[in-house]
């Protein structure tokens, strides 16, 4: 197998960096929108502090769950099901299944 050129490797690293920046910016923008919506619903600093704490807990819990699940299931069926069950518990008839929420249009 031929060795990858330094130029191609540099281009790939630059693209990976740009991709990560897009993901980071998208997450930040989405959280800004969530913050604005909750603010319009009356949330203020104390509720946002609580939200930040709980969000960190949920992110840590589901990240660990997905990492563990990925060791034996590349499709993450269990993790998707656990997340869907919890989301449905909170959203009722507003719920949309994982496959539809993440569908590529």
N, C-alpha and C. Protein backbone atom coordinates (compact mmCIF):
# COMPACT_ATOMS: atom_id res chain seq x y z
N UNK A 1 0.85 -1.18 0.00
CA UNK A 1 0.00 0.00 0.00
C UNK A 1 0.89 1.24 0.00
N UNK A 2 0.58 2.19 -0.85
CA UNK A 2 1.38 3.40 -0.99
C UNK A 2 1.21 4.30 0.22
N UNK A 3 2.29 4.99 0.55
CA UNK A 3 2.27 5.92 1.67
C UNK A 3 1.50 7.17 1.26
N UNK A 4 0.69 7.68 2.19
CA UNK A 4 -0.11 8.88 1.91
C UNK A 4 0.82 10.09 1.83
N UNK A 5 0.56 10.96 0.88
CA UNK A 5 1.39 12.15 0.75
C UNK A 5 1.16 13.11 1.90
N UNK A 6 2.18 13.87 2.24
CA UNK A 6 2.08 14.86 3.30
C UNK A 6 1.03 15.91 2.94
N UNK A 7 0.95 16.27 1.67
CA UNK A 7 -0.02 17.25 1.20
C UNK A 7 -1.45 16.76 1.43
N UNK A 8 -1.73 15.52 1.05
CA UNK A 8 -3.06 14.95 1.23
C UNK A 8 -3.39 14.85 2.72
N UNK A 9 -2.45 14.45 3.53
CA UNK A 9 -2.68 14.37 4.97
C UNK A 9 -3.01 15.74 5.54
N UNK A 10 -2.31 16.77 5.09
CA UNK A 10 -2.56 18.14 5.55
C UNK A 10 -3.96 18.59 5.14
N UNK A 11 -4.37 18.28 3.92
CA UNK A 11 -5.72 18.63 3.46
C UNK A 11 -6.77 17.93 4.31
N UNK A 12 -6.55 16.65 4.60
CA UNK A 12 -7.51 15.90 5.41
C UNK A 12 -7.60 16.45 6.83
N UNK A 13 -6.47 16.83 7.41
CA UNK A 13 -6.50 17.42 8.75
C UNK A 13 -7.25 18.75 8.74
N UNK A 14 -7.03 19.55 7.71
CA UNK A 14 -7.72 20.84 7.60
C UNK A 14 -9.23 20.63 7.46
N UNK A 15 -9.63 19.64 6.66
CA UNK A 15 -11.05 19.35 6.49
C UNK A 15 -11.67 18.86 7.79
N UNK A 16 -10.97 18.00 8.51
CA UNK A 16 -11.47 17.50 9.79
C UNK A 16 -11.64 18.66 10.78
N UNK A 17 -10.71 19.59 10.77
CA UNK A 17 -10.81 20.76 11.64
C UNK A 17 -12.03 21.60 11.26
N UNK A 18 -12.24 21.85 9.98
CA UNK A 18 -13.41 22.63 9.52
C UNK A 18 -14.70 21.91 9.88
N UNK A 19 -14.74 20.60 9.71
CA UNK A 19 -15.93 19.83 10.07
C UNK A 19 -16.25 19.97 11.55
N UNK A 20 -15.23 19.89 12.40
CA UNK A 20 -15.44 20.02 13.84
C UNK A 20 -15.92 21.43 14.18
N UNK A 21 -15.39 22.43 13.52
CA UNK A 21 -15.83 23.80 13.75
C UNK A 21 -17.30 23.99 13.37
N UNK A 22 -17.71 23.37 12.27
CA UNK A 22 -19.13 23.44 11.87
C UNK A 22 -20.00 22.79 12.93
N UNK A 23 -19.59 21.62 13.42
CA UNK A 23 -20.37 20.94 14.46
C UNK A 23 -20.43 21.79 15.73
N UNK A 24 -19.32 22.36 16.13
CA UNK A 24 -19.28 23.19 17.34
C UNK A 24 -20.17 24.42 17.18
N UNK A 25 -20.06 25.08 16.06
CA UNK A 25 -20.88 26.27 15.81
C UNK A 25 -22.36 25.93 15.77
N UNK A 26 -22.70 24.81 15.16
CA UNK A 26 -24.10 24.38 15.08
C UNK A 26 -24.65 24.10 16.47
N UNK A 27 -23.86 23.38 17.31
CA UNK A 27 -24.30 23.11 18.68
C UNK A 27 -24.49 24.41 19.46
N UNK A 28 -23.56 25.33 19.32
CA UNK A 28 -23.63 26.60 20.04
C UNK A 28 -24.86 27.38 19.60
N UNK A 29 -25.10 27.46 18.30
CA UNK A 29 -26.27 28.18 17.79
C UNK A 29 -27.56 27.54 18.29
N UNK A 30 -27.63 26.22 18.26
CA UNK A 30 -28.84 25.53 18.74
C UNK A 30 -29.07 25.82 20.22
N UNK A 31 -28.02 25.81 21.02
CA UNK A 31 -28.18 26.11 22.44
C UNK A 31 -28.57 27.57 22.65
N UNK A 32 -28.07 28.48 21.81
CA UNK A 32 -28.51 29.88 21.89
C UNK A 32 -30.01 29.97 21.64
N UNK A 33 -30.51 29.24 20.64
CA UNK A 33 -31.94 29.26 20.35
C UNK A 33 -32.75 28.69 21.51
N UNK A 34 -32.27 27.58 22.11
CA UNK A 34 -32.95 26.99 23.26
C UNK A 34 -32.97 28.00 24.41
N UNK A 35 -31.86 28.67 24.65
CA UNK A 35 -31.76 29.66 25.73
C UNK A 35 -32.75 30.80 25.49
N UNK A 36 -32.81 31.29 24.27
CA UNK A 36 -33.74 32.37 23.95
C UNK A 36 -35.20 31.92 24.15
N UNK A 37 -35.53 30.72 23.69
CA UNK A 37 -36.89 30.22 23.84
C UNK A 37 -37.25 30.07 25.32
N UNK A 38 -36.35 29.49 26.11
CA UNK A 38 -36.63 29.33 27.54
C UNK A 38 -36.71 30.68 28.23
N UNK A 39 -35.87 31.60 27.83
CA UNK A 39 -35.94 32.95 28.39
C UNK A 39 -37.29 33.60 28.11
N UNK A 40 -37.80 33.42 26.90
CA UNK A 40 -39.12 33.96 26.56
C UNK A 40 -40.24 33.28 27.35
N UNK A 41 -39.95 32.08 27.84
CA UNK A 41 -40.94 31.36 28.67
C UNK A 41 -40.79 31.72 30.15
N UNK A 42 -39.90 32.65 30.45
CA UNK A 42 -39.77 33.13 31.82
C UNK A 42 -38.56 32.63 32.59
N UNK A 43 -37.74 31.81 31.98
CA UNK A 43 -36.56 31.30 32.68
C UNK A 43 -35.58 32.44 32.93
N UNK A 44 -34.93 32.37 34.09
CA UNK A 44 -33.89 33.33 34.43
C UNK A 44 -32.69 32.57 34.99
N UNK A 45 -31.73 33.29 35.52
CA UNK A 45 -30.42 32.72 35.87
C UNK A 45 -30.50 31.44 36.70
N UNK A 46 -31.30 31.41 37.74
CA UNK A 46 -31.32 30.23 38.61
C UNK A 46 -31.79 28.98 37.85
N UNK A 47 -32.80 29.14 37.00
CA UNK A 47 -33.27 27.98 36.22
C UNK A 47 -32.23 27.57 35.18
N UNK A 48 -31.53 28.53 34.60
CA UNK A 48 -30.48 28.20 33.63
C UNK A 48 -29.30 27.48 34.30
N UNK A 49 -28.99 27.86 35.53
CA UNK A 49 -27.93 27.14 36.27
C UNK A 49 -28.34 25.69 36.49
N UNK A 50 -29.59 25.49 36.89
CA UNK A 50 -30.10 24.13 37.09
C UNK A 50 -30.09 23.36 35.76
N UNK A 51 -30.54 23.99 34.70
CA UNK A 51 -30.55 23.38 33.38
C UNK A 51 -29.14 22.97 32.96
N UNK A 52 -28.17 23.85 33.16
CA UNK A 52 -26.79 23.56 32.81
C UNK A 52 -26.27 22.33 33.57
N UNK A 53 -26.60 22.24 34.85
CA UNK A 53 -26.18 21.11 35.67
C UNK A 53 -26.81 19.81 35.18
N UNK A 54 -28.12 19.84 34.97
CA UNK A 54 -28.84 18.63 34.53
C UNK A 54 -28.41 18.24 33.12
N UNK A 55 -28.21 19.21 32.24
CA UNK A 55 -27.75 18.91 30.88
C UNK A 55 -26.39 18.21 30.91
N UNK A 56 -25.50 18.66 31.76
CA UNK A 56 -24.20 18.01 31.88
C UNK A 56 -24.35 16.57 32.38
N UNK A 57 -25.24 16.35 33.33
CA UNK A 57 -25.49 14.99 33.84
C UNK A 57 -26.04 14.08 32.74
N UNK A 58 -27.02 14.59 32.00
CA UNK A 58 -27.64 13.80 30.93
C UNK A 58 -26.62 13.50 29.83
N UNK A 59 -25.84 14.51 29.45
CA UNK A 59 -24.83 14.31 28.40
C UNK A 59 -23.81 13.27 28.83
N UNK A 60 -23.38 13.32 30.07
CA UNK A 60 -22.41 12.34 30.58
C UNK A 60 -23.03 10.94 30.60
N UNK A 61 -24.26 10.84 31.09
CA UNK A 61 -24.94 9.54 31.18
C UNK A 61 -25.12 8.91 29.79
N UNK A 62 -25.64 9.68 28.85
CA UNK A 62 -25.90 9.12 27.52
C UNK A 62 -24.60 8.89 26.74
N UNK A 63 -23.59 9.71 26.96
CA UNK A 63 -22.30 9.48 26.30
C UNK A 63 -21.71 8.15 26.76
N UNK A 64 -21.74 7.91 28.06
CA UNK A 64 -21.24 6.62 28.58
C UNK A 64 -22.07 5.46 28.03
N UNK A 65 -23.39 5.63 28.00
CA UNK A 65 -24.28 4.59 27.49
C UNK A 65 -23.95 4.25 26.04
N UNK A 66 -23.77 5.26 25.23
CA UNK A 66 -23.49 5.05 23.81
C UNK A 66 -22.11 4.41 23.61
N UNK A 67 -21.14 4.84 24.37
CA UNK A 67 -19.80 4.23 24.28
C UNK A 67 -19.86 2.76 24.66
N UNK A 68 -20.54 2.45 25.75
CA UNK A 68 -20.66 1.05 26.17
C UNK A 68 -21.43 0.23 25.13
N UNK A 69 -22.52 0.78 24.63
CA UNK A 69 -23.35 0.08 23.65
C UNK A 69 -22.56 -0.17 22.35
N UNK A 70 -21.74 0.79 21.96
CA UNK A 70 -21.01 0.68 20.69
C UNK A 70 -19.98 -0.44 20.69
N UNK A 71 -19.62 -0.93 21.87
CA UNK A 71 -18.65 -2.03 21.96
C UNK A 71 -19.23 -3.33 21.41
N UNK A 72 -20.55 -3.47 21.47
CA UNK A 72 -21.18 -4.71 21.01
C UNK A 72 -22.24 -4.50 19.94
N UNK A 73 -22.60 -3.24 19.67
CA UNK A 73 -23.68 -2.96 18.72
C UNK A 73 -23.38 -1.69 17.95
N UNK A 74 -22.89 -1.84 16.74
CA UNK A 74 -22.53 -0.68 15.93
C UNK A 74 -23.75 0.16 15.53
N UNK A 75 -24.93 -0.42 15.59
CA UNK A 75 -26.16 0.31 15.26
C UNK A 75 -26.76 1.05 16.47
N UNK A 76 -26.25 0.77 17.65
CA UNK A 76 -26.68 1.41 18.90
C UNK A 76 -28.18 1.25 19.18
N UNK A 77 -28.70 0.07 18.89
CA UNK A 77 -30.13 -0.16 19.07
C UNK A 77 -30.58 0.08 20.50
N UNK A 78 -29.81 -0.42 21.46
CA UNK A 78 -30.20 -0.27 22.86
C UNK A 78 -30.20 1.21 23.27
N UNK A 79 -29.14 1.92 22.94
CA UNK A 79 -29.04 3.33 23.32
C UNK A 79 -30.16 4.16 22.70
N UNK A 80 -30.44 3.89 21.45
CA UNK A 80 -31.53 4.61 20.77
C UNK A 80 -32.86 4.33 21.46
N UNK A 81 -33.09 3.08 21.83
CA UNK A 81 -34.34 2.72 22.48
C UNK A 81 -34.47 3.38 23.85
N UNK A 82 -33.39 3.38 24.62
CA UNK A 82 -33.42 4.00 25.95
C UNK A 82 -33.73 5.49 25.82
N UNK A 83 -33.07 6.16 24.88
CA UNK A 83 -33.29 7.58 24.68
C UNK A 83 -34.73 7.84 24.21
N UNK A 84 -35.19 7.05 23.26
CA UNK A 84 -36.55 7.23 22.77
C UNK A 84 -37.59 7.04 23.88
N UNK A 85 -37.40 6.02 24.72
CA UNK A 85 -38.36 5.80 25.81
C UNK A 85 -38.41 6.99 26.76
N UNK A 86 -37.24 7.54 27.09
CA UNK A 86 -37.24 8.69 28.00
C UNK A 86 -37.84 9.92 27.33
N UNK A 87 -37.49 10.16 26.08
CA UNK A 87 -38.06 11.31 25.37
C UNK A 87 -39.58 11.21 25.28
N UNK A 88 -40.08 10.02 24.95
CA UNK A 88 -41.52 9.83 24.81
C UNK A 88 -42.23 10.08 26.13
N UNK A 89 -41.60 9.70 27.22
CA UNK A 89 -42.17 9.92 28.56
C UNK A 89 -42.43 11.41 28.79
N UNK A 90 -41.57 12.28 28.26
CA UNK A 90 -41.70 13.71 28.48
C UNK A 90 -42.54 14.40 27.41
N UNK A 91 -42.52 13.88 26.19
CA UNK A 91 -43.13 14.61 25.08
C UNK A 91 -44.50 14.10 24.65
N UNK A 92 -44.87 12.91 25.08
CA UNK A 92 -46.19 12.36 24.75
C UNK A 92 -46.42 12.27 23.26
N UNK A 93 -47.54 12.80 22.79
CA UNK A 93 -47.90 12.69 21.38
C UNK A 93 -47.00 13.55 20.48
N UNK A 94 -46.20 14.41 21.05
CA UNK A 94 -45.25 15.24 20.30
C UNK A 94 -43.99 14.45 19.94
N UNK A 95 -43.85 13.25 20.48
CA UNK A 95 -42.65 12.41 20.29
C UNK A 95 -42.45 12.02 18.83
N UNK A 96 -41.20 12.02 18.40
CA UNK A 96 -40.79 11.53 17.08
C UNK A 96 -39.68 10.51 17.29
N UNK A 97 -39.80 9.30 16.75
CA UNK A 97 -38.79 8.26 16.93
C UNK A 97 -37.40 8.67 16.41
N UNK A 98 -36.39 8.07 16.99
CA UNK A 98 -34.99 8.35 16.66
C UNK A 98 -34.73 8.33 15.16
N UNK A 99 -35.14 7.27 14.51
CA UNK A 99 -34.85 7.13 13.07
C UNK A 99 -35.42 8.28 12.26
N UNK A 100 -36.57 8.78 12.67
CA UNK A 100 -37.17 9.91 11.95
C UNK A 100 -36.51 11.22 12.34
N UNK A 101 -36.19 11.38 13.64
CA UNK A 101 -35.52 12.61 14.08
C UNK A 101 -34.18 12.80 13.38
N UNK A 102 -33.45 11.72 13.17
CA UNK A 102 -32.11 11.78 12.58
C UNK A 102 -32.08 11.39 11.10
N UNK A 103 -33.24 11.31 10.48
CA UNK A 103 -33.30 10.92 9.07
C UNK A 103 -32.60 11.96 8.20
N UNK A 104 -31.91 11.44 7.21
CA UNK A 104 -31.28 12.32 6.22
C UNK A 104 -32.30 12.57 5.13
N UNK A 105 -32.56 13.81 4.90
CA UNK A 105 -33.59 14.15 3.92
C UNK A 105 -33.02 14.30 2.53
